Amino acid sequence: MEINYERLKNIELFIDFTKEELYRFFESVNYREKSFPEGADIYVPGNTISETAIILSGVVHVMQLSYQGSESIVSRYKAGQMLGNAFNITREINPFSYMRCATDVSVLFVDLLDIFQNDQNEIYYQKFAINAASFLARSNINMTKKINIYTRKTLREKLLAFFYQLAEQENSRCFRLQFTREQLAQYVCSERSSVCRELGKMQDEKIIRIDKDRFELLCWNRESF
């Protein structure tokens, strides 16, 4: 693969890299690029993950399958983010997560553990380590946000907690929902029919306004969520 600086420079792991640093970095590490079609699994349960996938394009959902066979979406990853990094670093077996392409996806595979164990004292290694640490910290924050949704008692509370998070990201009452209704139901661990019914009630009660994938929170009480 030929390294494309313009393609990589805005990815979080390579923020503040000069073109020369980026080329020198990839000259010193093992990497490979691979494309996956929509619906394909990048990682499946039961395997050791020896490489981290850096998403170059597309969207990937981290899925979990219950013993009854129902699927839930744990998180959503897009271009510039990493997949499988925790398992790659610890070399632990992935026990339960399917990392599935929600669109056609292109990824760059690198071995984070190998990079972190490199004893070279180059500035670009330091930049990479700092950027990776920042990403890992943000991943923990996002998991805390997901726990905040899961621990709500009712479906309405779960939906509102999620919508408030999206509104906070946009710093606006209005936001675009990037999930289908089925995916939204999976994300909040519910059934599509129940989610659609609850969304209808919330519209009737003037809590939200929905126009296809455009949502507006009509009741804006930050302190509650």
C-alpha atoms as a PDB file:
ATOM      1  CA  MET A   1       0.000   0.000   0.000  1.00  0.00           C
ATOM      2  CA  GLU A   2       1.257   3.456  -0.902  1.00  0.00           C
ATOM      3  CA  ILE A   3       0.923   5.859   2.012  1.00  0.00           C
ATOM      4  CA  ASN A   4      -1.371   8.780   1.198  1.00  0.00           C
ATOM      5  CA  TYR A   5      -0.584  11.691   3.518  1.00  0.00           C
ATOM      6  CA  GLU A   6      -3.720  13.645   2.621  1.00  0.00           C
ATOM      7  CA  ARG A   7      -5.843  10.613   3.458  1.00  0.00           C
ATOM      8  CA  LEU A   8      -4.198   9.941   6.814  1.00  0.00           C
ATOM      9  CA  LYS A   9      -3.250  13.341   8.207  1.00  0.00           C
ATOM     10  CA  ASN A  10      -6.707  14.028   9.733  1.00  0.00           C
ATOM     11  CA  ILE A  11      -7.021  10.612  11.380  1.00  0.00           C
ATOM     12  CA  GLU A  12      -6.741  11.049  15.148  1.00  0.00           C
ATOM     13  CA  LEU A  13      -3.758   8.707  15.497  1.00  0.00           C
ATOM     14  CA  PHE A  14      -1.707  10.840  13.106  1.00  0.00           C
ATOM     15  CA  ILE A  15      -2.721  14.331  14.203  1.00  0.00           C
ATOM     16  CA  ASP A  16       0.284  16.723  14.170  1.00  0.00           C
ATOM     17  CA  PHE A  17       2.370  14.369  12.016  1.00  0.00           C
ATOM     18  CA  THR A  18       4.359  16.051   9.269  1.00  0.00           C
ATOM     19  CA  LYS A  19       4.412  14.340   5.882  1.00  0.00           C
ATOM     20  CA  GLU A  20       7.997  13.196   6.478  1.00  0.00           C
ATOM     21  CA  GLU A  21       7.132  11.832   9.943  1.00  0.00           C
ATOM     22  CA  LEU A  22       4.171   9.901   8.556  1.00  0.00           C
ATOM     23  CA  TYR A  23       6.270   8.291   5.822  1.00  0.00           C
ATOM     24  CA  ARG A  24       9.072   7.447   8.253  1.00  0.00           C
ATOM     25  CA  PHE A  25       6.582   5.983  10.726  1.00  0.00           C
ATOM     26  CA  PHE A  26       5.122   3.592   8.149  1.00  0.00           C
ATOM     27  CA  GLU A  27       8.568   2.641   6.923  1.00  0.00           C
ATOM     28  CA  SER A  28       9.274   1.312  10.424  1.00  0.00           C
ATOM     29  CA  VAL A  29       6.034  -0.593  11.180  1.00  0.00           C
ATOM     30  CA  ASN A  30       4.162  -3.498   9.615  1.00  0.00           C
ATOM     31  CA  TYR A  31       0.791  -2.571   8.138  1.00  0.00           C
ATOM     32  CA  ARG A  32      -1.725  -3.687   5.540  1.00  0.00           C
ATOM     33  CA  GLU A  33      -4.926  -2.320   4.023  1.00  0.00           C
ATOM     34  CA  LYS A  34      -8.066  -4.347   3.391  1.00  0.00           C
ATOM     35  CA  SER A  35     -11.579  -3.601   2.151  1.00  0.00           C
ATOM     36  CA  PHE A  36     -14.761  -5.244   3.436  1.00  0.00           C
ATOM     37  CA  PRO A  37     -18.286  -5.209   1.943  1.00  0.00           C
ATOM     38  CA  GLU A  38     -21.346  -4.115   3.911  1.00  0.00           C
ATOM     39  CA  GLY A  39     -22.400  -6.869   6.333  1.00  0.00           C
ATOM     40  CA  ALA A  40     -18.957  -8.472   6.578  1.00  0.00           C
ATOM     41  CA  ASP A  41     -17.379  -9.106   9.989  1.00  0.00           C
ATOM     42  CA  ILE A  42     -13.920  -7.661  10.573  1.00  0.00           C
ATOM     43  CA  TYR A  43     -13.600  -9.512  13.893  1.00  0.00           C
ATOM     44  CA  VAL A  44     -15.715 -12.302  15.381  1.00  0.00           C
ATOM     45  CA  PRO A  45     -15.843 -13.835  18.891  1.00  0.00           C
ATOM     46  CA  GLY A  46     -13.459 -16.575  19.908  1.00  0.00           C
ATOM     47  CA  ASN A  47     -10.354 -15.242  18.187  1.00  0.00           C
ATOM     48  CA  THR A  48      -7.233 -13.480  19.406  1.00  0.00           C
ATOM     49  CA  ILE A  49      -6.928 -10.057  17.776  1.00  0.00           C
ATOM     50  CA  SER A  50      -3.324  -9.517  16.743  1.00  0.00           C
ATOM     51  CA  GLU A  51      -3.923  -6.305  14.779  1.00  0.00           C
ATOM     52  CA  THR A  52      -5.861  -3.099  15.347  1.00  0.00           C
ATOM     53  CA  ALA A  53      -8.095  -1.910  12.506  1.00  0.00           C
ATOM     54  CA  ILE A  54      -7.920   1.815  11.771  1.00  0.00           C
ATOM     55  CA  ILE A  55     -11.032   2.724   9.769  1.00  0.00           C
ATOM     56  CA  LEU A  56     -10.125   4.665   6.623  1.00  0.00           C
ATOM     57  CA  SER A  57     -13.673   4.866   5.257  1.00  0.00           C
ATOM     58  CA  GLY A  58     -17.123   3.593   6.130  1.00  0.00           C
ATOM     59  CA  VAL A  59     -18.965   2.716   9.345  1.00  0.00           C
ATOM     60  CA  VAL A  60     -18.611  -0.329  11.608  1.00  0.00           C
ATOM     61  CA  HIS A  61     -20.984  -1.498  14.349  1.00  0.00           C
ATOM     62  CA  VAL A  62     -19.762  -3.456  17.363  1.00  0.00           C
ATOM     63  CA  MET A  63     -22.466  -6.085  17.909  1.00  0.00           C
ATOM     64  CA  GLN A  64     -23.248  -8.570  20.643  1.00  0.00           C
ATOM     65  CA  LEU A  65     -25.391 -11.668  20.260  1.00  0.00           C
ATOM     66  CA  SER A  66     -27.525 -12.903  23.156  1.00  0.00           C
ATOM     67  CA  TYR A  67     -27.994 -16.566  24.040  1.00  0.00           C
ATOM     68  CA  GLN A  68     -31.479 -16.281  22.527  1.00  0.00           C
ATOM     69  CA  GLY A  69     -29.985 -15.080  19.231  1.00  0.00           C
ATOM     70  CA  SER A  70     -31.009 -11.400  19.373  1.00  0.00           C
ATOM     71  CA  GLU A  71     -28.459  -8.774  18.332  1.00  0.00           C
ATOM     72  CA  SER A  72     -27.624  -5.497  20.027  1.00  0.00           C
ATOM     73  CA  ILE A  73     -25.418  -2.653  18.809  1.00  0.00           C
ATOM     74  CA  VAL A  74     -22.890  -1.733  21.475  1.00  0.00           C
ATOM     75  CA  SER A  75     -21.196   1.097  19.608  1.00  0.00           C
ATOM     76  CA  ARG A  76     -20.717   2.713  16.213  1.00  0.00           C
ATOM     77  CA  TYR A  77     -17.316   3.521  14.713  1.00  0.00           C
ATOM     78  CA  LYS A  78     -16.537   5.691  11.699  1.00  0.00           C
ATOM     79  CA  ALA A  79     -13.542   6.786   9.627  1.00  0.00           C
ATOM     80  CA  GLY A  80     -10.526   7.728  11.740  1.00  0.00           C
ATOM     81  CA  GLN A  81     -11.395   5.497  14.684  1.00  0.00           C
ATOM     82  CA  MET A  82      -9.845   2.214  15.859  1.00  0.00           C
ATOM     83  CA  LEU A  83     -11.330  -1.250  16.322  1.00  0.00           C
ATOM     84  CA  GLY A  84     -10.029  -4.155  18.371  1.00  0.00           C
ATOM     85  CA  ASN A  85      -7.297  -2.097  20.011  1.00  0.00           C
ATOM     86  CA  ALA A  86      -7.883  -3.322  23.576  1.00  0.00           C
ATOM     87  CA  PHE A  87      -7.749  -6.983  22.522  1.00  0.00           C
ATOM     88  CA  ASN A  88      -4.731  -6.285  20.312  1.00  0.00           C
ATOM     89  CA  ILE A  89      -2.755  -4.696  23.151  1.00  0.00           C
ATOM     90  CA  THR A  90      -3.658  -7.309  25.782  1.00  0.00           C
ATOM     91  CA  ARG A  91      -3.594 -10.269  23.354  1.00  0.00           C
ATOM     92  CA  GLU A  92      -6.765 -11.517  25.047  1.00  0.00           C
ATOM     93  CA  ILE A  93      -9.365 -13.484  23.103  1.00  0.00           C
ATOM     94  CA  ASN A  94     -12.368 -11.482  21.910  1.00  0.00           C
ATOM     95  CA  PRO A  95     -15.117 -13.288  23.881  1.00  0.00           C
ATOM     96  CA  PHE A  96     -18.343 -11.803  22.544  1.00  0.00           C
ATOM     97  CA  SER A  97     -18.061  -8.950  20.011  1.00  0.00           C
ATOM     98  CA  TYR A  98     -18.873  -9.030  16.313  1.00  0.00           C
ATOM     99  CA  MET A  99     -17.339  -5.989  14.587  1.00  0.00           C
ATOM    100  CA  ARG A 100     -19.556  -5.758  11.523  1.00  0.00           C
ATOM    101  CA  CYS A 101     -19.491  -3.381   8.563  1.00  0.00           C
ATOM    102  CA  ALA A 102     -22.593  -1.182   8.397  1.00  0.00           C
ATOM    103  CA  THR A 103     -21.366   0.107   5.000  1.00  0.00           C
ATOM    104  CA  ASP A 104     -18.549  -0.818   2.643  1.00  0.00           C
ATOM    105  CA  VAL A 105     -15.420  -0.304   4.751  1.00  0.00           C
ATOM    106  CA  SER A 106     -11.697   0.150   4.176  1.00  0.00           C
ATOM    107  CA  VAL A 107      -9.326  -0.387   7.102  1.00  0.00           C
ATOM    108  CA  LEU A 108      -5.615  -0.152   7.812  1.00  0.00           C
ATOM    109  CA  PHE A 109      -4.303  -2.937  10.050  1.00  0.00           C
ATOM    110  CA  VAL A 110      -1.399  -2.277  12.460  1.00  0.00           C
ATOM    111  CA  ASP A 111      -0.115  -4.080  15.547  1.00  0.00           C
ATOM    112  CA  LEU A 112      -0.392  -1.561  18.388  1.00  0.00           C
ATOM    113  CA  LEU A 113       1.405  -3.774  20.886  1.00  0.00           C
ATOM    114  CA  ASP A 114       4.369  -4.120  18.549  1.00  0.00           C
ATOM    115  CA  ILE A 115       4.448  -0.348  17.993  1.00  0.00           C
ATOM    116  CA  PHE A 116       4.293   0.418  21.721  1.00  0.00           C
ATOM    117  CA  GLN A 117       7.115  -2.012  22.412  1.00  0.00           C
ATOM    118  CA  ASN A 118       9.346  -0.350  19.833  1.00  0.00           C
ATOM    119  CA  ASP A 119      12.311   1.236  21.608  1.00  0.00           C
ATOM    120  CA  GLN A 120      12.955   3.899  18.973  1.00  0.00           C
ATOM    121  CA  ASN A 121      13.063   7.390  20.423  1.00  0.00           C
ATOM    122  CA  GLU A 122      11.688   9.186  17.391  1.00  0.00           C
ATOM    123  CA  ILE A 123       9.315  12.120  17.907  1.00  0.00           C
ATOM    124  CA  TYR A 124       6.669  10.530  15.679  1.00  0.00           C
ATOM    125  CA  TYR A 125       6.500   7.499  17.981  1.00  0.00           C
ATOM    126  CA  GLN A 126       5.844   9.833  20.885  1.00  0.00           C
ATOM    127  CA  LYS A 127       3.133  11.620  18.905  1.00  0.00           C
ATOM    128  CA  PHE A 128       1.519   8.296  18.015  1.00  0.00           C
ATOM    129  CA  ALA A 129       1.569   7.123  21.653  1.00  0.00           C
ATOM    130  CA  ILE A 130      -0.030  10.379  22.855  1.00  0.00           C
ATOM    131  CA  ASN A 131      -2.721  10.249  20.154  1.00  0.00           C
ATOM    132  CA  ALA A 132      -3.448   6.586  20.907  1.00  0.00           C
ATOM    133  CA  ALA A 133      -3.714   7.281  24.645  1.00  0.00           C
ATOM    134  CA  SER A 134      -6.158  10.102  23.914  1.00  0.00           C
ATOM    135  CA  PHE A 135      -8.282   7.778  21.770  1.00  0.00           C
ATOM    136  CA  LEU A 136      -8.300   5.053  24.441  1.00  0.00           C
ATOM    137  CA  ALA A 137      -9.325   7.573  27.106  1.00  0.00           C
ATOM    138  CA  ARG A 138     -12.151   8.833  24.906  1.00  0.00           C
ATOM    139  CA  SER A 139     -13.298   5.249  24.347  1.00  0.00           C
ATOM    140  CA  ASN A 140     -13.659   4.830  28.121  1.00  0.00           C
ATOM    141  CA  ILE A 141     -15.721   8.021  28.293  1.00  0.00           C
ATOM    142  CA  ASN A 142     -17.983   6.759  25.500  1.00  0.00           C
ATOM    143  CA  MET A 143     -18.455   3.454  27.314  1.00  0.00           C
ATOM    144  CA  THR A 144     -19.502   5.388  30.421  1.00  0.00           C
ATOM    145  CA  LYS A 145     -22.071   7.201  28.291  1.00  0.00           C
ATOM    146  CA  LYS A 146     -23.411   3.873  27.047  1.00  0.00           C
ATOM    147  CA  ILE A 147     -23.676   2.576  30.621  1.00  0.00           C
ATOM    148  CA  ASN A 148     -25.649   5.725  31.403  1.00  0.00           C
ATOM    149  CA  ILE A 149     -28.175   4.617  28.776  1.00  0.00           C
ATOM    150  CA  TYR A 150     -28.289   0.961  29.825  1.00  0.00           C
ATOM    151  CA  THR A 151     -28.954   1.748  33.491  1.00  0.00           C
ATOM    152  CA  ARG A 152     -32.134   3.731  32.773  1.00  0.00           C
ATOM    153  CA  LYS A 153     -35.249   1.919  33.964  1.00  0.00           C
ATOM    154  CA  THR A 154     -37.677   2.571  31.114  1.00  0.00           C
ATOM    155  CA  LEU A 155     -37.396   2.552  27.336  1.00  0.00           C
ATOM    156  CA  ARG A 156     -38.331   6.231  27.210  1.00  0.00           C
ATOM    157  CA  GLU A 157     -35.551   7.119  29.638  1.00  0.00           C
ATOM    158  CA  LYS A 158     -33.042   5.120  27.574  1.00  0.00           C
ATOM    159  CA  LEU A 159     -34.098   6.846  24.360  1.00  0.00           C
ATOM    160  CA  LEU A 160     -33.993  10.292  25.933  1.00  0.00           C
ATOM    161  CA  ALA A 161     -30.583   9.641  27.498  1.00  0.00           C
ATOM    162  CA  PHE A 162     -29.263   8.702  24.053  1.00  0.00           C
ATOM    163  CA  PHE A 163     -30.916  11.667  22.347  1.00  0.00           C
ATOM    164  CA  TYR A 164     -29.517  14.064  24.950  1.00  0.00           C
ATOM    165  CA  GLN A 165     -26.032  12.716  24.265  1.00  0.00           C
ATOM    166  CA  LEU A 166     -26.482  13.320  20.533  1.00  0.00           C
ATOM    167  CA  ALA A 167     -27.823  16.814  21.182  1.00  0.00           C
ATOM    168  CA  GLU A 168     -24.866  17.585  23.445  1.00  0.00           C
ATOM    169  CA  GLN A 169     -22.479  16.475  20.696  1.00  0.00           C
ATOM    170  CA  GLU A 170     -24.147  18.872  18.265  1.00  0.00           C
ATOM    171  CA  ASN A 171     -24.609  21.561  20.946  1.00  0.00           C
ATOM    172  CA  SER A 172     -28.133  21.883  19.609  1.00  0.00           C
ATOM    173  CA  ARG A 173     -31.634  20.612  20.235  1.00  0.00           C
ATOM    174  CA  CYS A 174     -31.582  19.293  16.659  1.00  0.00           C
ATOM    175  CA  PHE A 175     -29.520  16.332  15.521  1.00  0.00           C
ATOM    176  CA  ARG A 176     -29.450  13.641  12.862  1.00  0.00           C
ATOM    177  CA  LEU A 177     -29.956  10.025  13.935  1.00  0.00           C
ATOM    178  CA  GLN A 178     -27.575   7.804  11.956  1.00  0.00           C
ATOM    179  CA  PHE A 179     -29.371   4.598  12.963  1.00  0.00           C
ATOM    180  CA  THR A 180     -32.329   2.947  11.312  1.00  0.00           C
ATOM    181  CA  ARG A 181     -35.226   2.220  13.668  1.00  0.00           C
ATOM    182  CA  GLU A 182     -34.099  -1.419  13.866  1.00  0.00           C
ATOM    183  CA  GLN A 183     -30.545  -0.344  14.727  1.00  0.00           C
ATOM    184  CA  LEU A 184     -31.847   2.133  17.315  1.00  0.00           C
ATOM    185  CA  ALA A 185     -33.817  -0.692  18.933  1.00  0.00           C
ATOM    186  CA  GLN A 186     -30.693  -2.849  19.002  1.00  0.00           C
ATOM    187  CA  TYR A 187     -28.699   0.003  20.529  1.00  0.00           C
ATOM    188  CA  VAL A 188     -31.116   0.418  23.450  1.00  0.00           C
ATOM    189  CA  CYS A 189     -31.714  -3.358  23.747  1.00  0.00           C
ATOM    190  CA  SER A 190     -35.364  -3.293  22.791  1.00  0.00           C
ATOM    191  CA  GLU A 191     -37.702  -4.343  19.988  1.00  0.00           C
ATOM    192  CA  ARG A 192     -38.279  -2.236  16.887  1.00  0.00           C
ATOM    193  CA  SER A 193     -42.054  -2.184  17.433  1.00  0.00           C
ATOM    194  CA  SER A 194     -41.613  -0.988  21.017  1.00  0.00           C
ATOM    195  CA  VAL A 195     -39.201   1.763  19.980  1.00  0.00           C
ATOM    196  CA  CYS A 196     -41.460   2.974  17.159  1.00  0.00           C
ATOM    197  CA  ARG A 197     -44.456   2.992  19.505  1.00  0.00           C
ATOM    198  CA  GLU A 198     -42.541   4.960  22.150  1.00  0.00           C
ATOM    199  CA  LEU A 199     -41.250   7.463  19.600  1.00  0.00           C
ATOM    200  CA  GLY A 200     -44.833   8.010  18.458  1.00  0.00           C
ATOM    201  CA  LYS A 201     -45.965   8.674  22.026  1.00  0.00           C
ATOM    202  CA  MET A 202     -43.075  11.081  22.606  1.00  0.00           C
ATOM    203  CA  GLN A 203     -44.082  13.011  19.489  1.00  0.00           C
ATOM    204  CA  ASP A 204     -47.742  13.118  20.577  1.00  0.00           C
ATOM    205  CA  GLU A 205     -46.657  14.444  23.976  1.00  0.00           C
ATOM    206  CA  LYS A 206     -44.493  17.164  22.353  1.00  0.00           C
ATOM    207  CA  ILE A 207     -41.272  15.782  23.807  1.00  0.00           C
ATOM    208  CA  ILE A 208     -39.583  15.322  20.439  1.00  0.00           C
ATOM    209  CA  ARG A 209     -40.194  16.213  16.798  1.00  0.00           C
ATOM    210  CA  ILE A 210     -39.139  13.717  14.114  1.00  0.00           C
ATOM    211  CA  ASP A 211     -38.719  14.238  10.387  1.00  0.00           C
ATOM    212  CA  LYS A 212     -37.261  11.004   9.002  1.00  0.00           C
ATOM    213  CA  ASP A 213     -33.730  10.945  10.459  1.00  0.00           C
ATOM    214  CA  ARG A 214     -33.926  14.517  11.797  1.00  0.00           C
ATOM    215  CA  PHE A 215     -34.792  14.823  15.488  1.00  0.00           C
ATOM    216  CA  GLU A 216     -35.491  17.834  17.667  1.00  0.00           C
ATOM    217  CA  LEU A 217     -35.731  17.764  21.442  1.00  0.00           C
ATOM    218  CA  LEU A 218     -38.680  19.948  22.439  1.00  0.00           C
ATOM    219  CA  CYS A 219     -38.100  19.306  26.144  1.00  0.00           C
ATOM    220  CA  TRP A 220     -34.534  20.385  26.967  1.00  0.00           C
ATOM    221  CA  ASN A 221     -33.746  19.520  30.567  1.00  0.00           C
ATOM    222  CA  ARG A 222     -29.988  18.861  30.698  1.00  0.00           C
ATOM    223  CA  GLU A 223     -29.990  18.268  34.444  1.00  0.00           C
ATOM    224  CA  SER A 224     -32.222  15.199  34.102  1.00  0.00           C
ATOM    225  CA  PHE A 225     -29.766  13.369  31.874  1.00  0.00           C
END
